[in-house]
PDB file of N, CA and C in Angstrom:
ATOM      1  N   UNK A   1      52.633 -49.868  29.693  1.00  0.00           N
ATOM      2  CA  UNK A   1      52.350 -48.700  28.911  1.00  0.00           C
ATOM      3  C   UNK A   1      53.654 -47.922  28.743  1.00  0.00           C
ATOM      4  N   UNK A   2      54.138 -47.872  27.510  1.00  0.00           N
ATOM      5  CA  UNK A   2      55.374 -47.167  27.212  1.00  0.00           C
ATOM      6  C   UNK A   2      55.058 -45.787  26.656  1.00  0.00           C
ATOM      7  N   UNK A   3      55.388 -44.783  27.421  1.00  0.00           N
ATOM      8  CA  UNK A   3      55.186 -43.407  26.982  1.00  0.00           C
ATOM      9  C   UNK A   3      56.508 -42.831  26.513  1.00  0.00           C
ATOM     10  N   UNK A   4      56.449 -42.040  25.470  1.00  0.00           N
ATOM     11  CA  UNK A   4      57.650 -41.400  24.949  1.00  0.00           C
ATOM     12  C   UNK A   4      58.044 -40.245  25.862  1.00  0.00           C
ATOM     13  N   UNK A   5      59.331 -39.912  25.884  1.00  0.00           N
ATOM     14  CA  UNK A   5      59.772 -38.784  26.722  1.00  0.00           C
ATOM     15  C   UNK A   5      59.075 -37.472  26.377  1.00  0.00           C
ATOM     16  N   UNK A   6      58.766 -37.265  25.103  1.00  0.00           N
ATOM     17  CA  UNK A   6      58.081 -36.031  24.711  1.00  0.00           C
ATOM     18  C   UNK A   6      56.701 -35.947  25.343  1.00  0.00           C
ATOM     19  N   UNK A   7      56.006 -37.072  25.372  1.00  0.00           N
ATOM     20  CA  UNK A   7      54.674 -37.129  25.979  1.00  0.00           C
ATOM     21  C   UNK A   7      54.760 -36.869  27.482  1.00  0.00           C
ATOM     22  N   UNK A   8      55.761 -37.446  28.112  1.00  0.00           N
ATOM     23  CA  UNK A   8      55.920 -37.247  29.550  1.00  0.00           C
ATOM     24  C   UNK A   8      56.272 -35.803  29.882  1.00  0.00           C
ATOM     25  N   UNK A   9      57.073 -35.160  29.037  1.00  0.00           N
ATOM     26  CA  UNK A   9      57.403 -33.746  29.264  1.00  0.00           C
ATOM     27  C   UNK A   9      56.142 -32.882  29.167  1.00  0.00           C
ATOM     28  N   UNK A  10      55.274 -33.204  28.224  1.00  0.00           N
ATOM     29  CA  UNK A  10      54.013 -32.469  28.094  1.00  0.00           C
ATOM     30  C   UNK A  10      53.158 -32.664  29.339  1.00  0.00           C
ATOM     31  N   UNK A  11      53.120 -33.885  29.866  1.00  0.00           N
ATOM     32  CA  UNK A  11      52.358 -34.140  31.091  1.00  0.00           C
ATOM     33  C   UNK A  11      52.931 -33.378  32.283  1.00  0.00           C
ATOM     34  N   UNK A  12      54.246 -33.269  32.347  1.00  0.00           N
ATOM     35  CA  UNK A  12      54.874 -32.513  33.436  1.00  0.00           C
ATOM     36  C   UNK A  12      54.486 -31.036  33.333  1.00  0.00           C
ATOM     37  N   UNK A  13      54.556 -30.479  32.123  1.00  0.00           N
ATOM     38  CA  UNK A  13      54.162 -29.078  31.950  1.00  0.00           C
ATOM     39  C   UNK A  13      52.667 -28.876  32.220  1.00  0.00           C
ATOM     40  N   UNK A  14      51.852 -29.854  31.863  1.00  0.00           N
ATOM     41  CA  UNK A  14      50.418 -29.766  32.163  1.00  0.00           C
ATOM     42  C   UNK A  14      50.192 -29.789  33.676  1.00  0.00           C
ATOM     43  N   UNK A  15      50.972 -30.575  34.395  1.00  0.00           N
ATOM     44  CA  UNK A  15      50.874 -30.595  35.852  1.00  0.00           C
ATOM     45  C   UNK A  15      51.226 -29.253  36.461  1.00  0.00           C
ATOM     46  N   UNK A  16      52.277 -28.622  35.934  1.00  0.00           N
ATOM     47  CA  UNK A  16      52.661 -27.288  36.419  1.00  0.00           C
ATOM     48  C   UNK A  16      51.548 -26.282  36.146  1.00  0.00           C
ATOM     49  N   UNK A  17      50.987 -26.349  34.938  1.00  0.00           N
ATOM     50  CA  UNK A  17      49.896 -25.435  34.584  1.00  0.00           C
ATOM     51  C   UNK A  17      48.683 -25.662  35.487  1.00  0.00           C
ATOM     52  N   UNK A  18      48.366 -26.910  35.795  1.00  0.00           N
ATOM     53  CA  UNK A  18      47.236 -27.203  36.679  1.00  0.00           C
ATOM     54  C   UNK A  18      47.467 -26.632  38.078  1.00  0.00           C
ATOM     55  N   UNK A  19      48.671 -26.751  38.571  1.00  0.00           N
ATOM     56  CA  UNK A  19      48.971 -26.203  39.903  1.00  0.00           C
ATOM     57  C   UNK A  19      48.776 -24.691  39.903  1.00  0.00           C
ATOM     58  N   UNK A  20      49.293 -24.017  38.885  1.00  0.00           N
ATOM     59  CA  UNK A  20      49.182 -22.560  38.811  1.00  0.00           C
ATOM     60  C   UNK A  20      47.720 -22.134  38.675  1.00  0.00           C
ATOM     61  N   UNK A  21      46.983 -22.778  37.770  1.00  0.00           N
ATOM     62  CA  UNK A  21      45.577 -22.422  37.548  1.00  0.00           C
ATOM     63  C   UNK A  21      44.733 -22.722  38.787  1.00  0.00           C
ATOM     64  N   UNK A  22      44.936 -23.896  39.375  1.00  0.00           N
ATOM     65  CA  UNK A  22      44.167 -24.264  40.566  1.00  0.00           C
ATOM     66  C   UNK A  22      44.438 -23.360  41.744  1.00  0.00           C
ATOM     67  N   UNK A  23      45.716 -23.046  41.969  1.00  0.00           N
ATOM     68  CA  UNK A  23      46.059 -22.151  43.069  1.00  0.00           C
ATOM     69  C   UNK A  23      45.506 -20.751  42.815  1.00  0.00           C
ATOM     70  N   UNK A  24      45.581 -20.305  41.575  1.00  0.00           N
ATOM     71  CA  UNK A  24      45.025 -18.984  41.239  1.00  0.00           C
ATOM     72  C   UNK A  24      43.534 -18.931  41.461  1.00  0.00           C
ATOM     73  N   UNK A  25      42.831 -19.984  41.071  1.00  0.00           N
ATOM     74  CA  UNK A  25      41.386 -20.038  41.276  1.00  0.00           C
ATOM     75  C   UNK A  25      41.040 -20.037  42.761  1.00  0.00           C
ATOM     76  N   UNK A  26      41.771 -20.824  43.531  1.00  0.00           N
ATOM     77  CA  UNK A  26      41.494 -20.877  44.972  1.00  0.00           C
ATOM     78  C   UNK A  26      41.773 -19.542  45.646  1.00  0.00           C
ATOM     79  N   UNK A  27      42.893 -18.932  45.316  1.00  0.00           N
ATOM     80  CA  UNK A  27      43.252 -17.650  45.933  1.00  0.00           C
ATOM     81  C   UNK A  27      42.274 -16.555  45.523  1.00  0.00           C
ATOM     82  N   UNK A  28      41.923 -16.515  44.231  1.00  0.00           N
ATOM     83  CA  UNK A  28      40.981 -15.493  43.762  1.00  0.00           C
ATOM     84  C   UNK A  28      39.617 -15.655  44.419  1.00  0.00           C
ATOM     85  N   UNK A  29      39.171 -16.876  44.589  1.00  0.00           N
ATOM     86  CA  UNK A  29      37.868 -17.116  45.206  1.00  0.00           C
ATOM     87  C   UNK A  29      37.882 -16.727  46.677  1.00  0.00           C
ATOM     88  N   UNK A  30      38.938 -17.098  47.374  1.00  0.00           N
ATOM     89  CA  UNK A  30      39.006 -16.784  48.801  1.00  0.00           C
ATOM     90  C   UNK A  30      39.168 -15.283  49.048  1.00  0.00           C
ATOM     91  N   UNK A  31      39.705 -14.561  48.076  1.00  0.00           N
ATOM     92  CA  UNK A  31      39.825 -13.103  48.207  1.00  0.00           C
ATOM     93  C   UNK A  31      38.572 -12.371  47.744  1.00  0.00           C
ATOM     94  N   UNK A  32      37.551 -13.093  47.344  1.00  0.00           N
ATOM     95  CA  UNK A  32      36.283 -12.475  46.973  1.00  0.00           C
ATOM     96  C   UNK A  32      36.227 -11.961  45.553  1.00  0.00           C
ATOM     97  N   UNK A  33      37.094 -12.433  44.687  1.00  0.00           N
ATOM     98  CA  UNK A  33      37.130 -11.957  43.303  1.00  0.00           C
ATOM     99  C   UNK A  33      35.852 -12.317  42.545  1.00  0.00           C
ATOM    100  N   UNK A  34      35.282 -13.486  42.832  1.00  0.00           N
ATOM    101  CA  UNK A  34      34.076 -13.941  42.143  1.00  0.00           C
ATOM    102  C   UNK A  34      32.796 -13.629  42.901  1.00  0.00           C
ATOM    103  N   UNK A  35      32.913 -13.026  44.034  1.00  0.00           N
ATOM    104  CA  UNK A  35      31.741 -12.693  44.829  1.00  0.00           C
ATOM    105  C   UNK A  35      31.647 -13.580  46.060  1.00  0.00           C
ATOM    106  N   UNK A  36      30.745 -13.241  46.951  1.00  0.00           N
ATOM    107  CA  UNK A  36      30.624 -14.012  48.194  1.00  0.00           C
ATOM    108  C   UNK A  36      29.860 -15.318  47.979  1.00  0.00           C
ATOM    109  N   UNK A  37      30.142 -16.277  48.838  1.00  0.00           N
ATOM    110  CA  UNK A  37      29.399 -17.524  48.850  1.00  0.00           C
ATOM    111  C   UNK A  37      29.801 -18.523  47.790  1.00  0.00           C
ATOM    112  N   UNK A  38      30.963 -18.395  47.231  1.00  0.00           N
ATOM    113  CA  UNK A  38      31.393 -19.340  46.194  1.00  0.00           C
ATOM    114  C   UNK A  38      32.613 -20.145  46.654  1.00  0.00           C
ATOM    115  N   UNK A  39      32.564 -20.627  47.867  1.00  0.00           N
ATOM    116  CA  UNK A  39      33.675 -21.396  48.407  1.00  0.00           C
ATOM    117  C   UNK A  39      33.871 -22.713  47.668  1.00  0.00           C
ATOM    118  N   UNK A  40      32.854 -23.143  46.943  1.00  0.00           N
ATOM    119  CA  UNK A  40      32.981 -24.370  46.150  1.00  0.00           C
ATOM    120  C   UNK A  40      34.053 -24.201  45.069  1.00  0.00           C
ATOM    121  N   UNK A  41      34.180 -22.993  44.520  1.00  0.00           N
ATOM    122  CA  UNK A  41      35.233 -22.721  43.539  1.00  0.00           C
ATOM    123  C   UNK A  41      36.614 -22.842  44.175  1.00  0.00           C
ATOM    124  N   UNK A  42      36.723 -22.428  45.418  1.00  0.00           N
ATOM    125  CA  UNK A  42      38.012 -22.548  46.121  1.00  0.00           C
ATOM    126  C   UNK A  42      38.371 -24.015  46.303  1.00  0.00           C
ATOM    127  N   UNK A  43      37.393 -24.826  46.668  1.00  0.00           N
ATOM    128  CA  UNK A  43      37.641 -26.261  46.821  1.00  0.00           C
ATOM    129  C   UNK A  43      38.009 -26.896  45.480  1.00  0.00           C
ATOM    130  N   UNK A  44      37.350 -26.466  44.417  1.00  0.00           N
ATOM    131  CA  UNK A  44      37.681 -26.985  43.090  1.00  0.00           C
ATOM    132  C   UNK A  44      39.092 -26.557  42.687  1.00  0.00           C
ATOM    133  N   UNK A  45      39.476 -25.346  43.021  1.00  0.00           N
ATOM    134  CA  UNK A  45      40.823 -24.875  42.725  1.00  0.00           C
ATOM    135  C   UNK A  45      41.885 -25.672  43.460  1.00  0.00           C
ATOM    136  N   UNK A  46      41.617 -25.974  44.710  1.00  0.00           N
ATOM    137  CA  UNK A  46      42.554 -26.789  45.491  1.00  0.00           C
ATOM    138  C   UNK A  46      42.648 -28.189  44.898  1.00  0.00           C
ATOM    139  N   UNK A  47      41.512 -28.746  44.482  1.00  0.00           N
ATOM    140  CA  UNK A  47      41.514 -30.084  43.883  1.00  0.00           C
ATOM    141  C   UNK A  47      42.315 -30.099  42.575  1.00  0.00           C
ATOM    142  N   UNK A  48      42.151 -29.080  41.758  1.00  0.00           N
ATOM    143  CA  UNK A  48      42.909 -28.992  40.502  1.00  0.00           C
ATOM    144  C   UNK A  48      44.402 -28.842  40.801  1.00  0.00           C
ATOM    145  N   UNK A  49      44.755 -28.051  41.789  1.00  0.00           N
ATOM    146  CA  UNK A  49      46.158 -27.875  42.152  1.00  0.00           C
ATOM    147  C   UNK A  49      46.774 -29.167  42.667  1.00  0.00           C
ATOM    148  N   UNK A  50      46.035 -29.899  43.478  1.00  0.00           N
ATOM    149  CA  UNK A  50      46.536 -31.174  43.999  1.00  0.00           C
ATOM    150  C   UNK A  50      46.697 -32.182  42.859  1.00  0.00           C
ATOM    151  N   UNK A  51      45.719 -32.238  41.955  1.00  0.00           N
ATOM    152  CA  UNK A  51      45.830 -33.135  40.809  1.00  0.00           C
ATOM    153  C   UNK A  51      47.030 -32.753  39.947  1.00  0.00           C
ATOM    154  N   UNK A  52      47.276 -31.482  39.761  1.00  0.00           N
ATOM    155  CA  UNK A  52      48.430 -31.035  38.996  1.00  0.00           C
ATOM    156  C   UNK A  52      49.734 -31.440  39.654  1.00  0.00           C
ATOM    157  N   UNK A  53      49.773 -31.364  40.967  1.00  0.00           N
ATOM    158  CA  UNK A  53      50.971 -31.785  41.693  1.00  0.00           C
ATOM    159  C   UNK A  53      51.209 -33.286  41.531  1.00  0.00           C
ATOM    160  N   UNK A  54      50.148 -34.065  41.617  1.00  0.00           N
ATOM    161  CA  UNK A  54      50.263 -35.516  41.405  1.00  0.00           C
ATOM    162  C   UNK A  54      50.745 -35.809  39.991  1.00  0.00           C
ATOM    163  N   UNK A  55      50.187 -35.129  39.009  1.00  0.00           N
ATOM    164  CA  UNK A  55      50.581 -35.318  37.617  1.00  0.00           C
ATOM    165  C   UNK A  55      52.046 -34.932  37.411  1.00  0.00           C
ATOM    166  N   UNK A  56      52.477 -33.852  38.022  1.00  0.00           N
ATOM    167  CA  UNK A  56      53.864 -33.415  37.919  1.00  0.00           C
ATOM    168  C   UNK A  56      54.812 -34.452  38.503  1.00  0.00           C
ATOM    169  N   UNK A  57      54.532 -34.915  39.713  1.00  0.00           N
ATOM    170  CA  UNK A  57      55.414 -35.886  40.381  1.00  0.00           C
ATOM    171  C   UNK A  57      55.447 -37.196  39.612  1.00  0.00           C
ATOM    172  N   UNK A  58      54.283 -37.681  39.176  1.00  0.00           N
ATOM    173  CA  UNK A  58      54.224 -38.931  38.417  1.00  0.00           C
ATOM    174  C   UNK A  58      54.979 -38.795  37.096  1.00  0.00           C
ATOM    175  N   UNK A  59      54.783 -37.694  36.399  1.00  0.00           N
ATOM    176  CA  UNK A  59      55.452 -37.479  35.119  1.00  0.00           C
ATOM    177  C   UNK A  59      56.954 -37.399  35.272  1.00  0.00           C
ATOM    178  N   UNK A  60      57.427 -36.687  36.308  1.00  0.00           N
ATOM    179  CA  UNK A  60      58.873 -36.607  36.546  1.00  0.00           C
ATOM    180  C   UNK A  60      59.448 -37.976  36.883  1.00  0.00           C
ATOM    181  N   UNK A  61      58.715 -38.762  37.650  1.00  0.00           N
ATOM    182  CA  UNK A  61      59.181 -40.102  38.009  1.00  0.00           C
ATOM    183  C   UNK A  61      59.310 -40.981  36.769  1.00  0.00           C
ATOM    184  N   UNK A  62      58.277 -40.982  35.947  1.00  0.00           N
ATOM    185  CA  UNK A  62      58.306 -41.792  34.727  1.00  0.00           C
ATOM    186  C   UNK A  62      59.362 -41.281  33.748  1.00  0.00           C
ATOM    187  N   UNK A  63      59.526 -39.978  33.671  1.00  0.00           N
ATOM    188  CA  UNK A  63      60.513 -39.387  32.772  1.00  0.00           C
ATOM    189  C   UNK A  63      61.925 -39.798  33.180  1.00  0.00           C
ATOM    190  N   UNK A  64      62.197 -39.818  34.470  1.00  0.00           N
ATOM    191  CA  UNK A  64      63.527 -40.233  34.910  1.00  0.00           C
ATOM    192  C   UNK A  64      63.753 -41.715  34.630  1.00  0.00           C
ATOM    193  N   UNK A  65      62.713 -42.537  34.712  1.00  0.00           N
ATOM    194  CA  UNK A  65      62.851 -43.953  34.393  1.00  0.00           C
ATOM    195  C   UNK A  65      63.122 -44.160  32.908  1.00  0.00           C
ATOM    196  N   UNK A  66      62.439 -43.404  32.069  1.00  0.00           N
ATOM    197  CA  UNK A  66      62.622 -43.542  30.625  1.00  0.00           C
ATOM    198  C   UNK A  66      64.012 -43.059  30.218  1.00  0.00           C
ATOM    199  N   UNK A  67      64.471 -41.955  30.791  1.00  0.00           N
ATOM    200  CA  UNK A  67      65.763 -41.411  30.425  1.00  0.00           C
ATOM    201  C   UNK A  67      66.924 -42.243  30.960  1.00  0.00           C
ATOM    202  N   UNK A  68      66.684 -43.100  31.951  1.00  0.00           N
ATOM    203  CA  UNK A  68      67.754 -43.951  32.495  1.00  0.00           C
ATOM    204  C   UNK A  68      67.998 -45.190  31.640  1.00  0.00           C
ATOM    205  N   UNK A  69      67.053 -45.543  30.790  1.00  0.00           N
ATOM    206  CA  UNK A  69      67.212 -46.745  29.981  1.00  0.00           C
ATOM    207  C   UNK A  69      68.261 -46.529  28.906  1.00  0.00           C
ATOM    208  N   UNK A  70      69.028 -47.545  28.658  1.00  0.00           N
ATOM    209  CA  UNK A  70      70.080 -47.486  27.633  1.00  0.00           C
ATOM    210  C   UNK A  70      69.771 -48.552  26.568  1.00  0.00           C
ATOM    211  N   UNK A  71      70.315 -48.358  25.405  1.00  0.00           N
ATOM    212  CA  UNK A  71      70.228 -49.382  24.373  1.00  0.00           C
ATOM    213  C   UNK A  71      69.053 -49.172  23.442  1.00  0.00           C
ATOM    214  N   UNK A  72      68.862 -50.156  22.575  1.00  0.00           N
ATOM    215  CA  UNK A  72      67.817 -50.101  21.563  1.00  0.00           C
ATOM    216  C   UNK A  72      66.475 -50.463  22.192  1.00  0.00           C
ATOM    217  N   UNK A  73      65.491 -49.598  22.030  1.00  0.00           N
ATOM    218  CA  UNK A  73      64.174 -49.842  22.621  1.00  0.00           C
ATOM    219  C   UNK A  73      63.159 -50.296  21.569  1.00  0.00           C
ATOM    220  N   UNK A  74      63.601 -50.557  20.359  1.00  0.00           N
ATOM    221  CA  UNK A  74      62.670 -50.985  19.289  1.00  0.00           C
ATOM    222  C   UNK A  74      62.348 -52.434  19.375  1.00  0.00           C
TER     223      UNK A  74
END
């Protein structure tokens, strides 16, 4: 699967956004922003943040591989 660098950059930014949104959701839930008894939202926030971190690391890895290639790729 050959992904273009532009696509990989978008995935990296999406990973960053997922980390921020997931961490915000977890922190807001644990501080009682949504009300008591909604710890499931905190777990979902942590899961989204972890997925965003995985997406970020994978995207950066693939992006560095694509940018290291030289020559004609057509």
